[in-house]
Amino acid sequence: LSALPLLAEHVTSAIRAALGLTRKLIAVDLDNTLWGGIIGEDGIAGIRLGPPSAVGERYQDFQRYLKGMKERGVLLAVVSKNNRQDAEEVFQKHECSVLHLDDFVAFRAGWEEKASSVRQLSEDLRLGLDSFVFLDDNPAERKAVRDALPEVLVPEISGEPAESIEVLNRGLYFQALRLTAEDQTRSESYLAMTKQETLRQSCGNVEEYLSGLRMEIECGLVDSATAMRVAQLINKTNQFNLTTRRYSLEEVDQRMRSRDCRFWWFRLRDRFADHGLIAVLLANVRGDEWLVDLWLMSCRVIGRGVEEFMFNRLVEAALREGGRTILAEYIPTTKNGLVKDLLPRLGFTPTFQQGAFRLDLAGAKMFPCSSLHEAERSCSISLS
């Protein structure tokens, strides 16, 4: 009986993972959280990090633990009230620092209120606040973030690094059913967003920015090699997701083998990063009618024209196979308001049924996607 609560927590965490409700990012304080002492007062030689200090070794272990989390696809970000130059110096010069600047997708060190920093971080990374776990040894800072941002998970920690590891392990906040190649490179993809923003600010208009990214897109039919990542994307994508239907790996396998389904993945690279498999489109064919079951995309690539590219490929495939109509629906949730106007924007017209839309293929208009260059080895999107 004493084991049942722990078993229940693990079962619940697996259900959260299957429903796409796991956390994605750790926003971590620095002083007395990632090392002992205050860098602005003690200096790089005075903080406790690594041997010969026993406490310093425990902080080093905690950094090693966070490094392992990052390699599993969990994003790391710094949110600290500190002089930025002093804070960065630890990761650049301290010989016992396991973490380095490029392990963090964002580094917010300054004197802004931490709740404001976390909120801005959410906007910059296009991640919901309910994806965040905030770690800080200061109870006043924890309370301030809890009060201002109730969606953010704020565990109780004292700053003792061994306790921080125990709290994260016990919480199972980042449980994943499977690990994919995209998980292991997720941090690099988010780091590229900073470089992309620098490019955007230097360009005169959107077209120049998109062209400067030198994007290459690849698409193909879901198969055994891509099914695991497709299932993961289906079950964790919330914002750019028309229906938010969730399918297990077994259900993905059934649909990819069905002759009545057209099931595609899309992969994107640019000059800064390989973003991996970032979008999924599934349509059910019923004679000359095509019904869109899934249409989803990672928030990392919003605003790149990928949805227009997906639409073009869907229309081309339907026309090629004698389709006359595409039906689609928007099922609203608390998180997917981003795609509320997607179907009307692409030419779909509403029907008498709430949330249902229709596109007559005879009048469908294709979209120019000149900034997206299709990879030469891209698979045909048709089964023919």
Protein backbone atom coordinates (compact mmCIF):
# COMPACT_ATOMS: atom_id res chain seq x y z
CA LEU A 1 0.00 0.00 0.00
CA SER A 2 2.81 2.42 0.76
CA ALA A 3 3.99 2.14 -2.87
CA LEU A 4 0.62 2.96 -4.44
CA PRO A 5 0.89 6.79 -4.22
CA LEU A 6 4.25 6.68 -6.00
CA LEU A 7 2.84 4.31 -8.63
CA ALA A 8 -0.13 6.66 -9.13
CA GLU A 9 2.21 9.62 -9.63
CA HIS A 10 4.13 7.74 -12.32
CA VAL A 11 0.95 6.62 -14.08
CA THR A 12 -0.34 10.19 -13.99
CA SER A 13 2.92 11.51 -15.41
CA ALA A 14 2.68 9.01 -18.29
CA ILE A 15 -0.87 10.19 -19.00
CA ARG A 16 0.31 13.82 -18.96
CA ALA A 17 3.03 12.91 -21.46
CA ALA A 18 0.52 11.15 -23.72
CA LEU A 19 -1.75 14.21 -23.64
CA GLY A 20 1.03 16.71 -24.31
CA LEU A 21 0.78 18.26 -20.85
CA THR A 22 4.37 17.85 -19.67
CA ARG A 23 6.55 20.85 -18.88
CA LYS A 24 9.19 21.90 -21.42
CA LEU A 25 11.49 24.49 -19.83
CA ILE A 26 13.35 25.08 -16.57
CA ALA A 27 13.85 28.77 -15.77
CA VAL A 28 16.58 28.78 -13.16
CA ASP A 29 18.03 31.36 -10.79
CA LEU A 30 21.81 31.58 -10.36
CA ASP A 31 23.11 32.71 -6.94
CA ASN A 32 22.62 29.98 -4.33
CA THR A 33 20.72 27.91 -6.90
CA LEU A 34 23.33 26.95 -9.55
CA TRP A 35 26.26 27.79 -7.30
CA GLY A 36 26.84 28.74 -3.68
CA GLY A 37 27.32 32.42 -2.94
CA ILE A 38 26.59 35.67 -4.77
CA ILE A 39 28.68 36.27 -7.86
CA GLY A 40 28.33 40.07 -7.64
CA GLU A 41 29.80 40.10 -4.12
CA ASP A 42 32.03 37.01 -3.90
CA GLY A 43 33.48 37.13 -7.40
CA ILE A 44 34.23 34.13 -9.59
CA ALA A 45 36.91 32.86 -7.18
CA GLY A 46 34.66 33.15 -4.14
CA ILE A 47 31.56 31.23 -5.21
CA ARG A 48 31.21 27.57 -4.24
CA LEU A 49 31.15 25.38 -7.33
CA GLY A 50 33.02 22.08 -7.60
CA PRO A 51 35.80 20.68 -5.38
CA PRO A 52 37.33 21.00 -2.86
CA SER A 53 34.12 22.32 -1.27
CA ALA A 54 31.59 19.56 -0.51
CA VAL A 55 28.76 22.05 -1.07
CA GLY A 56 30.45 23.16 -4.29
CA GLU A 57 30.55 19.55 -5.48
CA ARG A 58 26.80 19.23 -4.88
CA TYR A 59 26.17 22.37 -6.97
CA GLN A 60 28.34 20.86 -9.69
CA ASP A 61 26.24 17.67 -9.51
CA PHE A 62 23.09 19.76 -9.91
CA GLN A 63 24.55 21.44 -13.00
CA ARG A 64 25.43 18.00 -14.33
CA TYR A 65 21.84 16.90 -13.71
CA LEU A 66 20.47 19.91 -15.62
CA LYS A 67 22.89 19.19 -18.47
CA GLY A 68 21.43 15.70 -18.69
CA MET A 69 17.90 17.15 -18.74
CA LYS A 70 18.92 19.41 -21.63
CA GLU A 71 20.26 16.41 -23.56
CA ARG A 72 16.83 14.78 -23.14
CA GLY A 73 15.12 17.75 -24.76
CA VAL A 74 14.28 19.91 -21.74
CA LEU A 75 15.02 23.58 -22.38
CA LEU A 76 17.09 25.57 -19.90
CA ALA A 77 16.91 29.33 -19.36
CA VAL A 78 18.47 31.73 -16.85
CA VAL A 79 16.23 34.18 -14.99
CA SER A 80 18.38 36.05 -12.47
CA LYS A 81 18.68 39.43 -10.80
CA ASN A 82 22.34 40.01 -11.48
CA ASN A 83 24.86 41.93 -13.47
CA ARG A 84 24.80 40.07 -16.78
CA GLN A 85 28.55 40.26 -17.36
CA ASP A 86 29.31 38.81 -13.92
CA ALA A 87 26.77 36.02 -14.41
CA GLU A 88 28.01 35.05 -17.86
CA GLU A 89 31.60 34.97 -16.67
CA VAL A 90 30.91 31.92 -14.48
CA PHE A 91 29.80 29.85 -17.47
CA GLN A 92 32.66 31.16 -19.60
CA LYS A 93 35.59 30.96 -17.18
CA HIS A 94 34.86 28.86 -14.09
CA GLU A 95 36.67 25.56 -14.58
CA CYS A 96 34.07 23.62 -12.55
CA SER A 97 31.01 24.87 -14.37
CA VAL A 98 29.37 21.97 -16.17
CA LEU A 99 26.90 24.29 -17.89
CA HIS A 100 27.97 26.82 -20.52
CA LEU A 101 26.22 29.72 -22.18
CA ASP A 102 25.14 27.67 -25.19
CA ASP A 103 23.28 25.26 -22.89
CA PHE A 104 20.67 27.97 -22.28
CA VAL A 105 18.06 28.95 -24.85
CA ALA A 106 17.76 32.35 -23.13
CA PHE A 107 19.85 34.26 -20.60
CA ARG A 108 17.92 36.97 -18.75
CA ALA A 109 20.19 38.52 -16.13
CA GLY A 110 19.32 42.04 -15.01
CA TRP A 111 17.22 43.84 -12.45
CA GLU A 112 13.77 43.36 -13.93
CA GLU A 113 11.13 41.59 -11.83
CA LYS A 114 11.45 37.86 -12.42
CA ALA A 115 7.77 37.41 -13.23
CA SER A 116 8.16 39.96 -16.04
CA SER A 117 11.28 38.17 -17.27
CA VAL A 118 9.48 34.82 -17.33
CA ARG A 119 6.48 36.33 -19.14
CA GLN A 120 8.76 37.90 -21.77
CA LEU A 121 10.61 34.62 -22.12
CA SER A 122 7.32 32.87 -22.83
CA GLU A 123 6.55 35.36 -25.60
CA ASP A 124 10.04 35.24 -27.12
CA LEU A 125 10.16 31.44 -27.25
CA ARG A 126 6.47 31.05 -28.20
CA LEU A 127 5.95 28.66 -25.32
CA GLY A 128 2.94 28.72 -23.02
CA LEU A 129 3.56 29.65 -19.40
CA ASP A 130 2.20 26.23 -18.44
CA SER A 131 5.36 24.80 -20.04
CA PHE A 132 7.60 26.46 -17.42
CA VAL A 133 9.15 25.27 -14.17
CA PHE A 134 10.75 28.09 -12.16
CA LEU A 135 13.58 27.28 -9.71
CA ASP A 136 14.71 29.89 -7.18
CA ASP A 137 16.10 29.57 -3.67
CA ASN A 138 14.45 32.85 -2.58
CA PRO A 139 10.92 32.30 -1.13
CA ALA A 140 9.94 35.91 -1.89
CA GLU A 141 10.80 35.45 -5.59
CA ARG A 142 8.93 32.14 -5.70
CA LYS A 143 5.82 33.75 -4.22
CA ALA A 144 6.02 36.71 -6.61
CA VAL A 145 6.13 34.40 -9.65
CA ARG A 146 3.35 32.18 -8.29
CA ASP A 147 1.11 35.18 -7.66
CA ALA A 148 1.75 36.86 -11.01
CA LEU A 149 1.94 33.73 -13.18
CA PRO A 150 -0.17 30.93 -11.70
CA GLU A 151 0.37 28.76 -14.80
CA VAL A 152 4.10 28.49 -14.01
CA LEU A 153 5.04 25.58 -11.76
CA VAL A 154 7.18 26.81 -8.86
CA PRO A 155 8.53 23.98 -6.64
CA GLU A 156 9.59 24.64 -3.07
CA ILE A 157 13.39 24.45 -2.87
CA SER A 158 15.85 25.78 -0.32
CA GLY A 159 18.80 26.15 -2.66
CA GLU A 160 20.43 22.95 -1.42
CA PRO A 161 21.36 21.38 -4.79
CA ALA A 162 20.70 17.79 -3.73
CA GLU A 163 17.19 18.83 -2.74
CA SER A 164 16.67 20.54 -6.11
CA ILE A 165 17.53 17.29 -7.89
CA GLU A 166 15.19 15.34 -5.62
CA VAL A 167 12.32 17.79 -6.19
CA LEU A 168 12.66 17.62 -9.98
CA ASN A 169 12.96 13.83 -9.94
CA ARG A 170 9.95 13.42 -7.67
CA GLY A 171 7.82 15.91 -9.62
CA LEU A 172 8.11 14.03 -12.93
CA TYR A 173 7.38 17.34 -14.66
CA PHE A 174 9.25 16.46 -17.85
CA GLN A 175 8.22 12.85 -18.33
CA ALA A 176 8.54 11.60 -21.91
CA LEU A 177 7.21 8.33 -23.26
CA ARG A 178 9.93 8.16 -25.90
CA LEU A 179 13.10 10.03 -26.83
CA THR A 180 13.58 11.10 -30.44
CA ALA A 181 16.42 12.75 -32.36
CA GLU A 182 14.42 16.00 -32.34
CA ASP A 183 14.38 15.94 -28.53
CA GLN A 184 18.15 15.83 -28.42
CA THR A 185 18.54 18.83 -30.74
CA ARG A 186 15.62 20.92 -29.45
CA SER A 187 17.82 23.30 -27.48
CA GLU A 188 19.92 24.09 -30.56
CA SER A 189 16.74 24.85 -32.52
CA TYR A 190 15.56 27.33 -29.89
CA LEU A 191 19.02 28.88 -29.66
CA ALA A 192 18.79 29.56 -33.39
CA MET A 193 15.76 31.76 -32.72
CA THR A 194 18.06 34.43 -31.28
CA LYS A 195 20.11 34.50 -34.48
CA GLN A 196 16.92 34.56 -36.52
CA GLU A 197 15.67 37.57 -34.58
CA THR A 198 18.95 39.40 -35.25
CA LEU A 199 18.51 38.69 -38.97
CA ARG A 200 14.87 39.85 -38.87
CA GLN A 201 15.80 43.18 -37.31
CA SER A 202 18.46 43.76 -39.96
CA CYS A 203 16.06 43.15 -42.85
CA GLY A 204 13.85 45.75 -44.43
CA ASN A 205 10.74 43.56 -44.76
CA VAL A 206 9.34 40.10 -44.12
CA GLU A 207 10.15 38.82 -47.61
CA GLU A 208 13.81 39.78 -47.25
CA TYR A 209 13.96 38.11 -43.83
CA LEU A 210 12.41 34.86 -45.02
CA SER A 211 14.64 34.76 -48.07
CA GLY A 212 17.68 35.38 -45.84
CA LEU A 213 16.87 32.34 -43.72
CA ARG A 214 17.61 30.10 -46.74
CA MET A 215 14.97 27.59 -45.69
CA GLU A 216 14.77 24.08 -47.06
CA ILE A 217 11.63 22.02 -46.54
CA GLU A 218 11.17 18.31 -47.00
CA CYS A 219 7.94 16.31 -46.91
CA GLY A 220 7.04 12.67 -47.12
CA LEU A 221 4.63 9.92 -46.11
CA VAL A 222 4.69 8.76 -42.51
CA ASP A 223 6.45 5.39 -42.22
CA SER A 224 8.08 3.27 -39.53
CA ALA A 225 11.13 5.54 -39.47
CA THR A 226 9.12 8.69 -38.72
CA ALA A 227 6.10 7.28 -36.83
CA MET A 228 7.57 7.77 -33.35
CA ARG A 229 8.36 11.45 -33.88
CA VAL A 230 4.98 11.98 -35.58
CA ALA A 231 3.18 10.45 -32.59
CA GLN A 232 5.20 12.63 -30.23
CA LEU A 233 4.38 15.79 -32.19
CA ILE A 234 0.68 14.89 -32.31
CA ASN A 235 0.55 14.46 -28.55
CA LYS A 236 2.49 17.54 -27.47
CA THR A 237 1.52 20.26 -29.99
CA ASN A 238 -1.13 22.59 -28.59
CA GLN A 239 -0.92 26.05 -30.17
CA PHE A 240 -0.78 25.46 -33.94
CA ASN A 241 -3.17 22.52 -33.97
CA LEU A 242 -6.56 22.61 -35.70
CA THR A 243 -8.20 19.69 -33.90
CA THR A 244 -5.81 18.67 -31.05
CA ARG A 245 -6.78 15.04 -31.55
CA ARG A 246 -4.30 12.74 -29.85
CA TYR A 247 -3.18 9.42 -31.33
CA SER A 248 -0.94 6.78 -29.82
CA LEU A 249 1.98 5.25 -31.72
CA GLU A 250 -0.23 2.23 -32.47
CA GLU A 251 -2.96 4.49 -33.88
CA VAL A 252 -0.39 6.37 -35.97
CA ASP A 253 0.78 3.01 -37.32
CA GLN A 254 -2.79 2.04 -38.25
CA ARG A 255 -3.37 5.28 -40.14
CA MET A 256 -0.07 5.25 -41.99
CA ARG A 257 -0.97 1.78 -43.31
CA SER A 258 -4.55 2.60 -44.24
CA ARG A 259 -5.34 3.06 -47.93
CA ASP A 260 -7.99 5.60 -46.95
CA CYS A 261 -5.53 7.93 -45.20
CA ARG A 262 -3.02 10.40 -46.58
CA PHE A 263 -0.53 10.96 -43.77
CA TRP A 264 2.43 13.31 -44.22
CA TRP A 265 5.30 14.78 -42.24
CA PHE A 266 7.24 17.99 -42.94
CA ARG A 267 10.82 18.79 -41.96
CA LEU A 268 12.49 22.22 -42.00
CA ARG A 269 16.09 23.42 -42.06
CA ASP A 270 17.48 26.93 -42.35
CA ARG A 271 20.88 28.61 -42.28
CA PHE A 272 20.93 28.51 -38.47
CA ALA A 273 19.52 25.08 -37.51
CA ASP A 274 17.93 21.84 -38.56
CA HIS A 275 14.54 22.07 -36.87
CA GLY A 276 13.73 18.46 -37.59
CA LEU A 277 10.26 17.07 -38.24
CA ILE A 278 8.03 20.02 -37.35
CA ALA A 279 4.59 19.46 -38.91
CA VAL A 280 2.01 16.76 -39.57
CA LEU A 281 -0.98 16.61 -41.90
CA LEU A 282 -3.50 13.76 -42.01
CA ALA A 283 -6.49 13.54 -44.35
CA ASN A 284 -9.08 10.80 -44.71
CA VAL A 285 -10.26 10.08 -48.27
CA ARG A 286 -13.93 9.30 -48.85
CA GLY A 287 -14.46 9.08 -52.58
CA ASP A 288 -13.94 12.56 -54.01
CA GLU A 289 -14.16 14.12 -50.54
CA TRP A 290 -11.06 14.66 -48.39
CA LEU A 291 -11.50 15.26 -44.65
CA VAL A 292 -8.62 16.88 -42.74
CA ASP A 293 -8.16 14.95 -39.49
CA LEU A 294 -4.89 16.51 -38.24
CA TRP A 295 -3.09 19.71 -39.15
CA LEU A 296 -0.43 20.74 -36.68
CA MET A 297 2.96 22.42 -36.56
CA SER A 298 5.63 23.24 -34.00
CA CYS A 299 5.44 26.79 -32.66
CA ARG A 300 9.18 27.16 -33.37
CA VAL A 301 8.51 27.73 -37.09
CA ILE A 302 5.37 29.85 -37.01
CA GLY A 303 5.47 32.70 -39.50
CA ARG A 304 7.69 30.90 -42.02
CA GLY A 305 5.03 30.07 -44.63
CA VAL A 306 5.04 26.37 -43.76
CA GLU A 307 1.24 26.24 -43.41
CA GLU A 308 0.81 27.62 -46.94
CA PHE A 309 3.29 25.03 -48.23
CA MET A 310 1.30 22.28 -46.49
CA PHE A 311 -1.93 23.61 -47.98
CA ASN A 312 -0.46 23.61 -51.49
CA ARG A 313 0.70 20.02 -51.13
CA LEU A 314 -2.69 18.93 -49.79
CA VAL A 315 -4.53 20.55 -52.70
CA GLU A 316 -2.09 19.12 -55.25
CA ALA A 317 -2.50 15.60 -53.86
CA ALA A 318 -6.30 15.83 -53.74
CA LEU A 319 -6.50 17.11 -57.33
CA ARG A 320 -4.10 14.43 -58.50
CA GLU A 321 -6.35 11.73 -57.06
CA GLY A 322 -9.60 13.16 -58.40
CA GLY A 323 -10.76 14.95 -55.27
CA ARG A 324 -13.42 17.64 -55.56
CA THR A 325 -13.81 18.88 -52.00
CA ILE A 326 -11.69 19.23 -48.87
CA LEU A 327 -13.51 19.38 -45.53
CA ALA A 328 -11.81 20.59 -42.37
CA GLU A 329 -12.75 21.68 -38.88
CA TYR A 330 -11.42 23.92 -36.18
CA ILE A 331 -12.00 22.57 -32.66
CA PRO A 332 -11.21 25.43 -30.25
CA THR A 333 -9.29 24.87 -27.03
CA THR A 334 -7.81 27.24 -24.47
CA LYS A 335 -4.48 27.11 -26.32
CA ASN A 336 -5.09 26.91 -30.08
CA GLY A 337 -6.59 30.33 -30.76
CA LEU A 338 -3.57 30.91 -32.99
CA VAL A 339 -5.21 28.85 -35.79
CA LYS A 340 -8.74 30.20 -35.38
CA ASP A 341 -8.54 32.02 -38.72
CA LEU A 342 -6.26 29.56 -40.54
CA LEU A 343 -8.92 27.89 -42.68
CA PRO A 344 -10.70 31.08 -43.83
CA ARG A 345 -7.29 32.59 -44.64
CA LEU A 346 -6.53 29.63 -46.90
CA GLY A 347 -9.83 29.93 -48.78
CA PHE A 348 -12.09 27.57 -46.83
CA THR A 349 -15.67 28.73 -46.29
CA PRO A 350 -17.73 27.95 -43.17
CA THR A 351 -20.60 25.47 -43.35
CA PHE A 352 -23.80 25.28 -41.30
CA GLN A 353 -21.99 23.09 -38.74
CA GLN A 354 -20.10 24.91 -35.96
CA GLY A 355 -16.36 24.94 -36.64
CA ALA A 356 -16.69 23.10 -39.97
CA PHE A 357 -15.25 24.44 -43.24
CA ARG A 358 -15.31 23.45 -46.90
CA LEU A 359 -13.02 24.07 -49.86
CA ASP A 360 -14.14 23.41 -53.44
CA LEU A 361 -10.99 22.34 -55.21
CA ALA A 362 -12.12 23.82 -58.52
CA GLY A 363 -11.75 27.28 -57.01
CA ALA A 364 -8.75 26.65 -54.75
CA LYS A 365 -5.92 29.17 -55.05
CA MET A 366 -2.33 28.13 -54.45
CA PHE A 367 0.02 30.25 -52.37
CA PRO A 368 3.49 31.43 -53.43
CA CYS A 369 6.15 29.83 -51.24
CA SER A 370 9.28 31.13 -52.93
CA SER A 371 11.23 31.38 -49.66
CA LEU A 372 10.81 27.65 -49.01
CA HIS A 373 13.06 25.49 -51.17
CA GLU A 374 11.96 21.87 -51.39
CA ALA A 375 14.71 19.36 -50.70
CA GLU A 376 15.71 17.24 -53.66
CA ARG A 377 15.18 13.98 -51.73
CA SER A 378 11.71 15.03 -50.58
CA CYS A 379 9.21 12.21 -50.97
CA SER A 380 6.18 12.51 -53.20
CA ILE A 381 3.14 13.57 -51.27
CA SER A 382 0.84 11.35 -53.29
CA LEU A 383 0.43 7.61 -52.97
CA SER A 384 0.25 7.19 -56.72
